[in-house]
Amino acid sequence: MDTKERHVKENEGRDRHEGLEPTLPAEGRERKRENTKKLNNLWIWFGVLILIAILLYWIFSIGLLGDMEGTFNG
């Protein structure tokens, strides 16, 4: 946990203890952090799908080229 997260959690804990609502900047930072996590996960899955597509293309292209050259038996 980095220092920013620790400070935010300490402030939220203090606000809850005092009965205060979280401040708008704290809510905005939390929303931005959540949205960043979601976006990063989307990019990771997009990269995985691209890698799978490249792998399938590579496998099929090797198979087709091998068949055309007559180097594969079967």
Protein backbone atom coordinates (compact mmCIF):
# COMPACT_ATOMS: atom_id res chain seq x y z
CA MET A 1 0.00 0.00 0.00
CA ASP A 2 1.48 3.32 -1.00
CA THR A 3 1.41 6.43 1.14
CA LYS A 4 -1.47 8.09 -0.74
CA GLU A 5 -3.75 5.11 -0.16
CA ARG A 6 -2.74 4.98 3.49
CA HIS A 7 -3.52 8.70 3.96
CA VAL A 8 -6.88 8.36 2.20
CA LYS A 9 -7.83 5.40 4.38
CA GLU A 10 -6.74 7.23 7.52
CA ASN A 11 -8.79 10.29 6.53
CA GLU A 12 -11.84 8.17 5.70
CA GLY A 13 -11.52 6.34 9.00
CA ARG A 14 -11.25 9.64 10.88
CA ASP A 15 -14.25 11.05 9.01
CA ARG A 16 -16.35 7.99 9.83
CA HIS A 17 -15.30 8.20 13.46
CA GLU A 18 -16.27 11.86 13.62
CA GLY A 19 -19.52 11.22 11.73
CA LEU A 20 -18.51 13.29 8.70
CA GLU A 21 -19.15 12.45 5.07
CA PRO A 22 -16.11 11.93 2.83
CA THR A 23 -15.04 15.09 1.05
CA LEU A 24 -15.63 15.58 -2.66
CA PRO A 25 -11.92 15.47 -3.62
CA ALA A 26 -11.54 12.18 -1.75
CA GLU A 27 -14.55 10.74 -3.57
CA GLY A 28 -13.16 11.94 -6.88
CA ARG A 29 -9.79 10.33 -6.22
CA GLU A 30 -11.48 7.08 -5.27
CA ARG A 31 -13.63 7.10 -8.42
CA LYS A 32 -10.58 7.84 -10.55
CA ARG A 33 -8.65 4.99 -8.90
CA GLU A 34 -11.53 2.55 -9.53
CA ASN A 35 -11.93 3.68 -13.14
CA THR A 36 -8.19 3.34 -13.72
CA LYS A 37 -8.29 -0.23 -12.40
CA LYS A 38 -11.21 -1.05 -14.71
CA LEU A 39 -9.47 0.48 -17.71
CA ASN A 40 -6.23 -1.37 -16.96
CA ASN A 41 -8.13 -4.65 -16.74
CA LEU A 42 -9.80 -3.94 -20.08
CA TRP A 43 -6.44 -3.27 -21.72
CA ILE A 44 -5.04 -6.50 -20.27
CA TRP A 45 -7.94 -8.54 -21.65
CA PHE A 46 -7.67 -6.75 -24.99
CA GLY A 47 -3.98 -7.67 -25.13
CA VAL A 48 -4.76 -11.30 -24.28
CA LEU A 49 -7.33 -11.46 -27.09
CA ILE A 50 -4.86 -9.94 -29.56
CA LEU A 51 -2.20 -12.48 -28.55
CA ILE A 52 -4.66 -15.34 -29.01
CA ALA A 53 -5.60 -14.01 -32.45
CA ILE A 54 -1.92 -13.74 -33.45
CA LEU A 55 -1.25 -17.27 -32.19
CA LEU A 56 -4.19 -18.72 -34.13
CA TYR A 57 -3.17 -16.83 -37.26
CA TRP A 58 0.40 -18.09 -36.90
CA ILE A 59 -0.71 -21.69 -36.41
CA PHE A 60 -3.05 -21.64 -39.41
CA SER A 61 -0.60 -19.79 -41.65
CA ILE A 62 2.15 -22.32 -40.89
CA GLY A 63 -0.26 -25.15 -41.64
CA LEU A 64 -1.42 -23.63 -44.91
CA LEU A 65 2.09 -22.77 -46.09
CA GLY A 66 3.35 -26.22 -45.19
CA ASP A 67 0.53 -27.85 -47.13
CA MET A 68 1.15 -25.66 -50.18
CA GLU A 69 4.86 -26.46 -50.19
CA GLY A 70 4.20 -30.15 -49.70
CA THR A 71 6.56 -30.37 -46.71
CA PHE A 72 3.92 -31.82 -44.38
CA ASN A 73 3.01 -35.48 -44.56
CA GLY A 74 -0.67 -36.21 -44.22
